[in-house]
Amino acid sequence: MKKLISIVIVLVCFSSLVSAQTASGKAAAKKQRGGTSPRRVIKSDKTPQGSGVLSQAIVAGELVFTSGQIGIDPKTGKMVEGGFAPQAEQVLRNLAAVLEAAGSDMSHVLKTTVFLADMDDFNAMNEIYRRHFKEDPPARSTVQVARLPRNARIEIEAIALVKKN
């Protein structure tokens, strides 16, 4: 019986020690992340306003995560006319504006994902994309999707670094 009581006492002490270390570790991790809010929401009036159920971008640490941008003119709130090329140009202008609002720019983009309504627009997209990412373009995935918001022909999202001051 004494042996069993000794084992229970050891287990209780060990459990208390582990619990205290875990709580201390969580507090240190929270402090290291920058307090209670490890992310910053980006809102800019220089880009099309979303539906209210998404953020234009989120900054977390040194990274910017943008929402997908489509070819909406932020001044009119309407899709630009003229087909694929004008939409693609507007998408990249919108993306640049979101990145600027987040403290970044196109030269700091690490990765993009391009969504095309029609993969036949791939070559045209590459020509336009190349003008906006002149040197050392970011990693990229390009996929064809069944449909994009507002019947857009292209949407692009990005992950970028925040510029150092």
N, C-alpha and C. Protein backbone atom coordinates (compact mmCIF):
# COMPACT_ATOMS: atom_id res chain seq x y z
N MET A 1 0.81 -1.19 0.00
CA MET A 1 0.00 0.00 0.00
C MET A 1 0.86 1.26 0.00
N LYS A 2 1.95 1.26 0.82
CA LYS A 2 2.84 2.41 0.87
C LYS A 2 3.45 2.66 -0.50
N LYS A 3 3.76 1.58 -1.21
CA LYS A 3 4.35 1.70 -2.54
C LYS A 3 3.36 2.37 -3.50
N LEU A 4 2.11 1.99 -3.43
CA LEU A 4 1.07 2.57 -4.29
C LEU A 4 0.88 4.06 -3.98
N ILE A 5 0.87 4.41 -2.71
CA ILE A 5 0.73 5.82 -2.32
C ILE A 5 1.93 6.62 -2.82
N SER A 6 3.12 6.06 -2.73
CA SER A 6 4.33 6.75 -3.21
C SER A 6 4.24 6.98 -4.72
N ILE A 7 3.75 6.01 -5.47
CA ILE A 7 3.61 6.15 -6.92
C ILE A 7 2.61 7.24 -7.25
N VAL A 8 1.49 7.28 -6.56
CA VAL A 8 0.47 8.30 -6.79
C VAL A 8 1.03 9.69 -6.50
N ILE A 9 1.79 9.83 -5.41
CA ILE A 9 2.39 11.13 -5.07
C ILE A 9 3.37 11.56 -6.16
N VAL A 10 4.18 10.66 -6.66
CA VAL A 10 5.14 10.96 -7.73
C VAL A 10 4.39 11.40 -8.99
N LEU A 11 3.33 10.69 -9.35
CA LEU A 11 2.55 11.04 -10.54
C LEU A 11 1.90 12.41 -10.41
N VAL A 12 1.36 12.73 -9.25
CA VAL A 12 0.73 14.03 -9.03
C VAL A 12 1.77 15.14 -9.14
N CYS A 13 2.94 14.94 -8.54
CA CYS A 13 4.01 15.94 -8.62
C CYS A 13 4.47 16.12 -10.05
N PHE A 14 4.65 15.03 -10.77
CA PHE A 14 5.10 15.08 -12.17
C PHE A 14 4.05 15.80 -13.03
N SER A 15 2.78 15.50 -12.79
CA SER A 15 1.70 16.12 -13.54
C SER A 15 1.67 17.63 -13.31
N SER A 16 1.87 18.05 -12.06
CA SER A 16 1.90 19.48 -11.74
C SER A 16 3.06 20.18 -12.42
N LEU A 17 4.22 19.53 -12.45
CA LEU A 17 5.40 20.09 -13.09
C LEU A 17 5.18 20.25 -14.59
N VAL A 18 4.65 19.24 -15.25
CA VAL A 18 4.38 19.30 -16.69
C VAL A 18 3.37 20.40 -16.99
N SER A 19 2.32 20.49 -16.18
CA SER A 19 1.29 21.52 -16.39
C SER A 19 1.88 22.92 -16.27
N ALA A 20 2.74 23.13 -15.29
CA ALA A 20 3.37 24.44 -15.10
C ALA A 20 4.28 24.79 -16.28
N GLN A 21 5.05 23.82 -16.76
CA GLN A 21 5.94 24.06 -17.89
C GLN A 21 5.15 24.35 -19.16
N THR A 22 4.04 23.65 -19.37
CA THR A 22 3.21 23.87 -20.55
C THR A 22 2.62 25.28 -20.53
N ALA A 23 2.11 25.72 -19.39
CA ALA A 23 1.55 27.07 -19.28
C ALA A 23 2.63 28.11 -19.52
N SER A 24 3.82 27.89 -18.98
CA SER A 24 4.94 28.82 -19.17
C SER A 24 5.34 28.87 -20.64
N GLY A 25 5.35 27.73 -21.30
CA GLY A 25 5.71 27.67 -22.72
C GLY A 25 4.70 28.39 -23.59
N LYS A 26 3.41 28.25 -23.29
CA LYS A 26 2.37 28.94 -24.06
C LYS A 26 2.48 30.45 -23.89
N ALA A 27 2.76 30.91 -22.70
CA ALA A 27 2.90 32.35 -22.46
C ALA A 27 4.10 32.89 -23.22
N ALA A 28 5.21 32.16 -23.22
CA ALA A 28 6.41 32.60 -23.94
C ALA A 28 6.16 32.64 -25.44
N ALA A 29 5.46 31.65 -25.96
CA ALA A 29 5.16 31.60 -27.40
C ALA A 29 4.26 32.77 -27.78
N LYS A 30 3.27 33.09 -26.95
CA LYS A 30 2.37 34.21 -27.23
C LYS A 30 3.15 35.52 -27.24
N LYS A 31 4.06 35.69 -26.27
CA LYS A 31 4.87 36.90 -26.20
C LYS A 31 5.77 37.00 -27.43
N GLN A 32 6.34 35.89 -27.87
CA GLN A 32 7.23 35.87 -29.02
C GLN A 32 6.47 36.24 -30.29
N ARG A 33 5.19 35.89 -30.41
CA ARG A 33 4.39 36.19 -31.60
C ARG A 33 3.95 37.65 -31.62
N GLY A 34 4.18 38.38 -30.55
CA GLY A 34 3.82 39.79 -30.57
C GLY A 34 2.53 40.10 -29.83
N GLY A 35 2.25 39.40 -28.76
CA GLY A 35 1.08 39.72 -27.95
C GLY A 35 -0.13 38.93 -28.37
N THR A 36 -1.28 39.57 -28.20
CA THR A 36 -2.53 38.86 -28.40
C THR A 36 -2.98 38.85 -29.85
N SER A 37 -2.45 39.74 -30.70
CA SER A 37 -2.91 39.81 -32.08
C SER A 37 -1.74 39.58 -33.04
N PRO A 38 -1.51 38.34 -33.44
CA PRO A 38 -0.36 38.05 -34.30
C PRO A 38 -0.60 38.39 -35.77
N ARG A 39 -1.74 38.98 -36.10
CA ARG A 39 -2.02 39.31 -37.49
C ARG A 39 -2.63 40.70 -37.60
N ARG A 40 -2.43 41.32 -38.77
CA ARG A 40 -2.95 42.65 -39.03
C ARG A 40 -3.77 42.60 -40.31
N VAL A 41 -5.00 43.11 -40.25
CA VAL A 41 -5.90 43.13 -41.40
C VAL A 41 -5.62 44.37 -42.24
N ILE A 42 -5.52 44.18 -43.57
CA ILE A 42 -5.25 45.27 -44.49
C ILE A 42 -6.53 45.67 -45.19
N LYS A 43 -6.82 46.98 -45.19
CA LYS A 43 -7.96 47.55 -45.91
C LYS A 43 -7.45 48.77 -46.65
N SER A 44 -7.72 48.84 -47.93
CA SER A 44 -7.28 49.97 -48.73
C SER A 44 -8.42 50.45 -49.62
N ASP A 45 -8.56 51.76 -49.73
CA ASP A 45 -9.58 52.29 -50.63
C ASP A 45 -9.07 52.40 -52.06
N LYS A 46 -7.81 52.00 -52.28
CA LYS A 46 -7.23 52.03 -53.63
C LYS A 46 -7.45 50.72 -54.39
N THR A 47 -8.15 49.80 -53.76
CA THR A 47 -8.44 48.51 -54.38
C THR A 47 -9.94 48.25 -54.30
N PRO A 48 -10.45 47.37 -55.15
CA PRO A 48 -11.88 47.05 -55.09
C PRO A 48 -12.26 46.53 -53.70
N GLN A 49 -13.40 46.96 -53.24
CA GLN A 49 -13.88 46.52 -51.93
C GLN A 49 -14.54 45.15 -52.06
N GLY A 50 -14.17 44.25 -51.18
CA GLY A 50 -14.72 42.90 -51.21
C GLY A 50 -16.15 42.87 -50.70
N SER A 51 -16.65 41.70 -50.59
CA SER A 51 -18.04 41.50 -50.17
C SER A 51 -18.23 41.64 -48.67
N GLY A 52 -17.16 41.91 -47.94
CA GLY A 52 -17.28 42.06 -46.50
C GLY A 52 -17.03 40.78 -45.74
N VAL A 53 -16.87 39.67 -46.44
CA VAL A 53 -16.61 38.40 -45.78
C VAL A 53 -15.16 37.97 -45.95
N LEU A 54 -14.32 38.90 -46.41
CA LEU A 54 -12.90 38.59 -46.55
C LEU A 54 -12.09 39.85 -46.33
N SER A 55 -10.82 39.68 -46.04
CA SER A 55 -9.90 40.80 -45.91
C SER A 55 -9.11 40.91 -47.20
N GLN A 56 -8.73 42.12 -47.58
CA GLN A 56 -7.93 42.30 -48.79
C GLN A 56 -6.58 41.63 -48.64
N ALA A 57 -6.04 41.67 -47.43
CA ALA A 57 -4.78 40.98 -47.13
C ALA A 57 -4.66 40.85 -45.62
N ILE A 58 -3.81 39.94 -45.22
CA ILE A 58 -3.46 39.76 -43.82
C ILE A 58 -1.93 39.80 -43.73
N VAL A 59 -1.42 40.58 -42.79
CA VAL A 59 0.02 40.57 -42.50
C VAL A 59 0.21 39.78 -41.23
N ALA A 60 1.07 38.78 -41.30
CA ALA A 60 1.41 37.97 -40.14
C ALA A 60 2.93 37.89 -40.08
N GLY A 61 3.50 38.51 -39.07
CA GLY A 61 4.96 38.57 -38.98
C GLY A 61 5.51 39.35 -40.16
N GLU A 62 6.38 38.72 -40.91
CA GLU A 62 7.00 39.37 -42.07
C GLU A 62 6.33 38.99 -43.39
N LEU A 63 5.19 38.31 -43.32
CA LEU A 63 4.52 37.84 -44.52
C LEU A 63 3.20 38.55 -44.77
N VAL A 64 2.90 38.76 -46.05
CA VAL A 64 1.62 39.31 -46.50
C VAL A 64 0.91 38.23 -47.29
N PHE A 65 -0.33 37.96 -46.95
CA PHE A 65 -1.16 37.00 -47.67
C PHE A 65 -2.31 37.78 -48.28
N THR A 66 -2.36 37.89 -49.62
CA THR A 66 -3.44 38.66 -50.24
C THR A 66 -4.61 37.75 -50.58
N SER A 67 -5.78 38.36 -50.62
CA SER A 67 -6.93 37.68 -51.20
C SER A 67 -6.78 37.74 -52.71
N GLY A 68 -7.51 36.88 -53.40
CA GLY A 68 -7.48 36.90 -54.85
C GLY A 68 -8.01 38.22 -55.39
N GLN A 69 -7.34 38.74 -56.40
CA GLN A 69 -7.75 39.99 -57.03
C GLN A 69 -8.28 39.69 -58.42
N ILE A 70 -9.38 40.33 -58.76
CA ILE A 70 -9.94 40.20 -60.11
C ILE A 70 -9.91 41.58 -60.78
N GLY A 71 -10.31 41.66 -62.03
CA GLY A 71 -10.16 42.87 -62.83
C GLY A 71 -11.20 43.93 -62.62
N ILE A 72 -11.50 44.25 -61.38
CA ILE A 72 -12.46 45.31 -61.08
C ILE A 72 -11.73 46.62 -60.93
N ASP A 73 -12.25 47.65 -61.59
CA ASP A 73 -11.71 49.00 -61.45
C ASP A 73 -12.18 49.54 -60.11
N PRO A 74 -11.25 49.89 -59.19
CA PRO A 74 -11.68 50.36 -57.87
C PRO A 74 -12.46 51.67 -57.92
N LYS A 75 -12.30 52.46 -58.96
CA LYS A 75 -13.02 53.74 -59.06
C LYS A 75 -14.49 53.53 -59.42
N THR A 76 -14.75 52.56 -60.29
CA THR A 76 -16.13 52.34 -60.75
C THR A 76 -16.80 51.17 -60.05
N GLY A 77 -16.01 50.24 -59.51
CA GLY A 77 -16.56 49.04 -58.91
C GLY A 77 -17.04 48.03 -59.93
N LYS A 78 -16.69 48.27 -61.21
CA LYS A 78 -17.12 47.38 -62.30
C LYS A 78 -15.92 46.69 -62.93
N MET A 79 -16.19 45.52 -63.51
CA MET A 79 -15.16 44.78 -64.22
C MET A 79 -14.71 45.61 -65.42
N VAL A 80 -13.39 45.69 -65.64
CA VAL A 80 -12.90 46.42 -66.82
C VAL A 80 -13.36 45.70 -68.08
N GLU A 81 -13.59 46.47 -69.11
CA GLU A 81 -14.06 45.89 -70.38
C GLU A 81 -12.89 45.65 -71.32
N GLY A 82 -13.13 44.86 -72.35
CA GLY A 82 -12.13 44.65 -73.39
C GLY A 82 -11.52 43.27 -73.41
N GLY A 83 -11.99 42.38 -72.54
CA GLY A 83 -11.52 41.01 -72.60
C GLY A 83 -10.40 40.69 -71.62
N PHE A 84 -9.65 39.66 -71.97
CA PHE A 84 -8.67 39.10 -71.03
C PHE A 84 -7.55 40.07 -70.68
N ALA A 85 -6.89 40.67 -71.68
CA ALA A 85 -5.71 41.50 -71.43
C ALA A 85 -6.01 42.66 -70.48
N PRO A 86 -7.05 43.45 -70.71
CA PRO A 86 -7.35 44.53 -69.76
C PRO A 86 -7.67 44.02 -68.35
N GLN A 87 -8.35 42.88 -68.26
CA GLN A 87 -8.63 42.30 -66.95
C GLN A 87 -7.34 41.91 -66.25
N ALA A 88 -6.43 41.25 -66.97
CA ALA A 88 -5.17 40.81 -66.37
C ALA A 88 -4.35 42.00 -65.89
N GLU A 89 -4.30 43.06 -66.68
CA GLU A 89 -3.58 44.27 -66.27
C GLU A 89 -4.18 44.86 -65.00
N GLN A 90 -5.51 44.92 -64.94
CA GLN A 90 -6.18 45.48 -63.76
C GLN A 90 -5.95 44.60 -62.54
N VAL A 91 -5.97 43.29 -62.73
CA VAL A 91 -5.70 42.36 -61.62
C VAL A 91 -4.34 42.67 -61.01
N LEU A 92 -3.34 42.83 -61.85
CA LEU A 92 -1.99 43.07 -61.34
C LEU A 92 -1.86 44.47 -60.72
N ARG A 93 -2.58 45.46 -61.22
CA ARG A 93 -2.60 46.78 -60.57
C ARG A 93 -3.26 46.68 -59.20
N ASN A 94 -4.37 45.94 -59.13
CA ASN A 94 -5.06 45.75 -57.84
C ASN A 94 -4.15 45.03 -56.85
N LEU A 95 -3.46 44.00 -57.31
CA LEU A 95 -2.55 43.25 -56.45
C LEU A 95 -1.45 44.17 -55.93
N ALA A 96 -0.88 45.00 -56.80
CA ALA A 96 0.16 45.93 -56.39
C ALA A 96 -0.36 46.91 -55.33
N ALA A 97 -1.59 47.37 -55.49
CA ALA A 97 -2.18 48.32 -54.53
C ALA A 97 -2.39 47.66 -53.16
N VAL A 98 -2.84 46.43 -53.14
CA VAL A 98 -3.02 45.72 -51.88
C VAL A 98 -1.67 45.52 -51.19
N LEU A 99 -0.67 45.11 -51.97
CA LEU A 99 0.66 44.91 -51.40
C LEU A 99 1.21 46.21 -50.83
N GLU A 100 1.02 47.31 -51.54
CA GLU A 100 1.49 48.62 -51.06
C GLU A 100 0.82 48.97 -49.73
N ALA A 101 -0.48 48.75 -49.64
CA ALA A 101 -1.21 49.03 -48.39
C ALA A 101 -0.70 48.18 -47.24
N ALA A 102 -0.15 47.02 -47.56
CA ALA A 102 0.37 46.10 -46.54
C ALA A 102 1.84 46.34 -46.23
N GLY A 103 2.47 47.31 -46.92
CA GLY A 103 3.88 47.58 -46.66
C GLY A 103 4.81 46.72 -47.49
N SER A 104 4.35 46.29 -48.65
CA SER A 104 5.15 45.45 -49.52
C SER A 104 5.05 45.98 -50.95
N ASP A 105 5.56 45.23 -51.89
CA ASP A 105 5.40 45.58 -53.30
C ASP A 105 5.65 44.34 -54.15
N MET A 106 5.51 44.50 -55.44
CA MET A 106 5.61 43.35 -56.36
C MET A 106 6.99 42.70 -56.32
N SER A 107 8.04 43.45 -56.02
CA SER A 107 9.38 42.87 -55.98
C SER A 107 9.59 41.98 -54.76
N HIS A 108 8.67 42.02 -53.80
CA HIS A 108 8.77 41.21 -52.59
C HIS A 108 7.84 39.98 -52.62
N VAL A 109 7.19 39.76 -53.75
CA VAL A 109 6.28 38.62 -53.86
C VAL A 109 7.08 37.32 -53.94
N LEU A 110 6.69 36.37 -53.10
CA LEU A 110 7.35 35.06 -53.06
C LEU A 110 6.63 34.03 -53.92
N LYS A 111 5.29 34.10 -53.92
CA LYS A 111 4.49 33.07 -54.58
C LYS A 111 3.17 33.66 -55.04
N THR A 112 2.76 33.30 -56.23
CA THR A 112 1.42 33.67 -56.70
C THR A 112 0.67 32.42 -57.10
N THR A 113 -0.63 32.52 -57.05
CA THR A 113 -1.50 31.50 -57.62
C THR A 113 -2.39 32.23 -58.60
N VAL A 114 -2.37 31.77 -59.85
CA VAL A 114 -3.15 32.37 -60.93
C VAL A 114 -4.29 31.42 -61.26
N PHE A 115 -5.50 31.95 -61.25
CA PHE A 115 -6.68 31.18 -61.60
C PHE A 115 -7.19 31.70 -62.94
N LEU A 116 -7.28 30.85 -63.93
CA LEU A 116 -7.76 31.23 -65.25
C LEU A 116 -9.09 30.55 -65.53
N ALA A 117 -10.01 31.31 -66.13
CA ALA A 117 -11.28 30.73 -66.56
C ALA A 117 -11.07 29.86 -67.80
N ASP A 118 -10.00 30.15 -68.54
CA ASP A 118 -9.72 29.40 -69.77
C ASP A 118 -8.21 29.29 -69.94
N MET A 119 -7.69 28.08 -69.93
CA MET A 119 -6.26 27.87 -70.05
C MET A 119 -5.72 28.34 -71.41
N ASP A 120 -6.59 28.59 -72.37
CA ASP A 120 -6.16 29.17 -73.65
C ASP A 120 -5.60 30.58 -73.46
N ASP A 121 -5.88 31.21 -72.32
CA ASP A 121 -5.34 32.54 -72.02
C ASP A 121 -3.96 32.48 -71.36
N PHE A 122 -3.40 31.28 -71.22
CA PHE A 122 -2.13 31.10 -70.51
C PHE A 122 -0.99 31.92 -71.13
N ASN A 123 -0.82 31.87 -72.44
CA ASN A 123 0.29 32.60 -73.09
C ASN A 123 0.11 34.11 -72.96
N ALA A 124 -1.10 34.60 -73.14
CA ALA A 124 -1.36 36.03 -72.97
C ALA A 124 -1.09 36.46 -71.53
N MET A 125 -1.49 35.61 -70.58
CA MET A 125 -1.24 35.89 -69.17
C MET A 125 0.26 35.98 -68.92
N ASN A 126 1.03 35.06 -69.48
CA ASN A 126 2.48 35.08 -69.27
C ASN A 126 3.11 36.38 -69.76
N GLU A 127 2.67 36.88 -70.91
CA GLU A 127 3.22 38.14 -71.45
C GLU A 127 2.93 39.30 -70.51
N ILE A 128 1.73 39.40 -70.02
CA ILE A 128 1.34 40.49 -69.12
C ILE A 128 2.04 40.32 -67.77
N TYR A 129 2.06 39.12 -67.26
CA TYR A 129 2.68 38.80 -65.97
C TYR A 129 4.16 39.18 -66.00
N ARG A 130 4.83 38.87 -67.09
CA ARG A 130 6.26 39.16 -67.26
C ARG A 130 6.55 40.66 -67.14
N ARG A 131 5.64 41.51 -67.58
CA ARG A 131 5.84 42.96 -67.48
C ARG A 131 5.77 43.45 -66.03
N HIS A 132 5.05 42.74 -65.19
CA HIS A 132 4.91 43.14 -63.79
C HIS A 132 5.93 42.47 -62.87
N PHE A 133 6.49 41.38 -63.31
CA PHE A 133 7.53 40.66 -62.55
C PHE A 133 8.74 40.52 -63.47
N LYS A 134 9.50 41.61 -63.63
CA LYS A 134 10.58 41.67 -64.62
C LYS A 134 11.76 40.77 -64.28
N GLU A 135 12.26 40.85 -63.06
CA GLU A 135 13.43 40.06 -62.66
C GLU A 135 13.05 39.08 -61.56
N ASP A 136 13.63 37.92 -61.62
CA ASP A 136 13.41 36.91 -60.59
C ASP A 136 11.94 36.79 -60.20
N PRO A 137 11.10 36.36 -61.14
CA PRO A 137 9.67 36.25 -60.83
C PRO A 137 9.43 35.27 -59.67
N PRO A 138 8.32 35.47 -58.98
CA PRO A 138 8.02 34.59 -57.85
C PRO A 138 7.65 33.18 -58.32
N ALA A 139 7.66 32.25 -57.39
CA ALA A 139 7.13 30.92 -57.67
C ALA A 139 5.66 31.11 -58.03
N ARG A 140 5.13 30.21 -58.86
CA ARG A 140 3.75 30.42 -59.32
C ARG A 140 3.08 29.09 -59.62
N SER A 141 1.81 29.04 -59.33
CA SER A 141 0.94 27.96 -59.79
C SER A 141 -0.12 28.60 -60.66
N THR A 142 -0.49 27.94 -61.75
CA THR A 142 -1.56 28.43 -62.61
C THR A 142 -2.52 27.28 -62.85
N VAL A 143 -3.79 27.54 -62.59
CA VAL A 143 -4.80 26.50 -62.77
C VAL A 143 -6.01 27.07 -63.49
N GLN A 144 -6.69 26.21 -64.21
CA GLN A 144 -7.97 26.59 -64.82
C GLN A 144 -9.07 26.19 -63.85
N VAL A 145 -10.03 27.09 -63.70
CA VAL A 145 -11.15 26.85 -62.80
C VAL A 145 -12.46 26.90 -63.57
N ALA A 146 -13.49 26.33 -63.00
CA ALA A 146 -14.79 26.29 -63.68
C ALA A 146 -15.39 27.69 -63.82
N ARG A 147 -15.22 28.51 -62.77
CA ARG A 147 -15.82 29.85 -62.81
C ARG A 147 -15.17 30.71 -61.74
N LEU A 148 -15.06 32.01 -62.03
CA LEU A 148 -14.51 32.98 -61.09
C LEU A 148 -15.58 33.99 -60.70
N PRO A 149 -15.40 34.69 -59.59
CA PRO A 149 -16.38 35.69 -59.18
C PRO A 149 -16.62 36.73 -60.28
N ARG A 150 -17.87 37.13 -60.42
CA ARG A 150 -18.30 38.14 -61.39
C ARG A 150 -17.89 37.77 -62.82
N ASN A 151 -17.78 36.49 -63.06
CA ASN A 151 -17.40 35.97 -64.38
C ASN A 151 -16.05 36.51 -64.87
N ALA A 152 -15.16 36.79 -63.94
CA ALA A 152 -13.81 37.25 -64.30
C ALA A 152 -13.11 36.17 -65.12
N ARG A 153 -12.15 36.58 -65.90
CA ARG A 153 -11.37 35.63 -66.69
C ARG A 153 -10.07 35.26 -66.01
N ILE A 154 -9.66 36.05 -64.99
CA ILE A 154 -8.41 35.79 -64.27
C ILE A 154 -8.53 36.30 -62.84
N GLU A 155 -7.90 35.60 -61.93
CA GLU A 155 -7.78 36.01 -60.53
C GLU A 155 -6.38 35.63 -60.07
N ILE A 156 -5.75 36.50 -59.29
CA ILE A 156 -4.41 36.21 -58.78
C ILE A 156 -4.35 36.54 -57.29
N GLU A 157 -3.77 35.63 -56.51
CA GLU A 157 -3.48 35.87 -55.10
C GLU A 157 -1.97 35.75 -54.91
N ALA A 158 -1.45 36.33 -53.83
CA ALA A 158 0.00 36.34 -53.63
C ALA A 158 0.36 36.20 -52.16
N ILE A 159 1.58 35.74 -51.97
CA ILE A 159 2.24 35.74 -50.66
C ILE A 159 3.52 36.54 -50.87
N ALA A 160 3.76 37.54 -50.00
CA ALA A 160 4.92 38.42 -50.17
C ALA A 160 5.56 38.69 -48.81
N LEU A 161 6.76 39.23 -48.89
CA LEU A 161 7.45 39.71 -47.69
C LEU A 161 7.12 41.17 -47.46
N VAL A 162 7.03 41.57 -46.21
CA VAL A 162 6.89 42.98 -45.87
C VAL A 162 8.25 43.61 -46.09
N LYS A 163 8.27 44.83 -46.69
CA LYS A 163 9.53 45.52 -46.92
C LYS A 163 10.14 45.92 -45.59
N LYS A 164 11.44 45.83 -45.51
CA LYS A 164 12.17 46.30 -44.32
C LYS A 164 12.30 47.80 -44.40
N ASN A 165 12.13 48.48 -43.29
CA ASN A 165 12.25 49.95 -43.27
C ASN A 165 13.67 50.40 -43.19
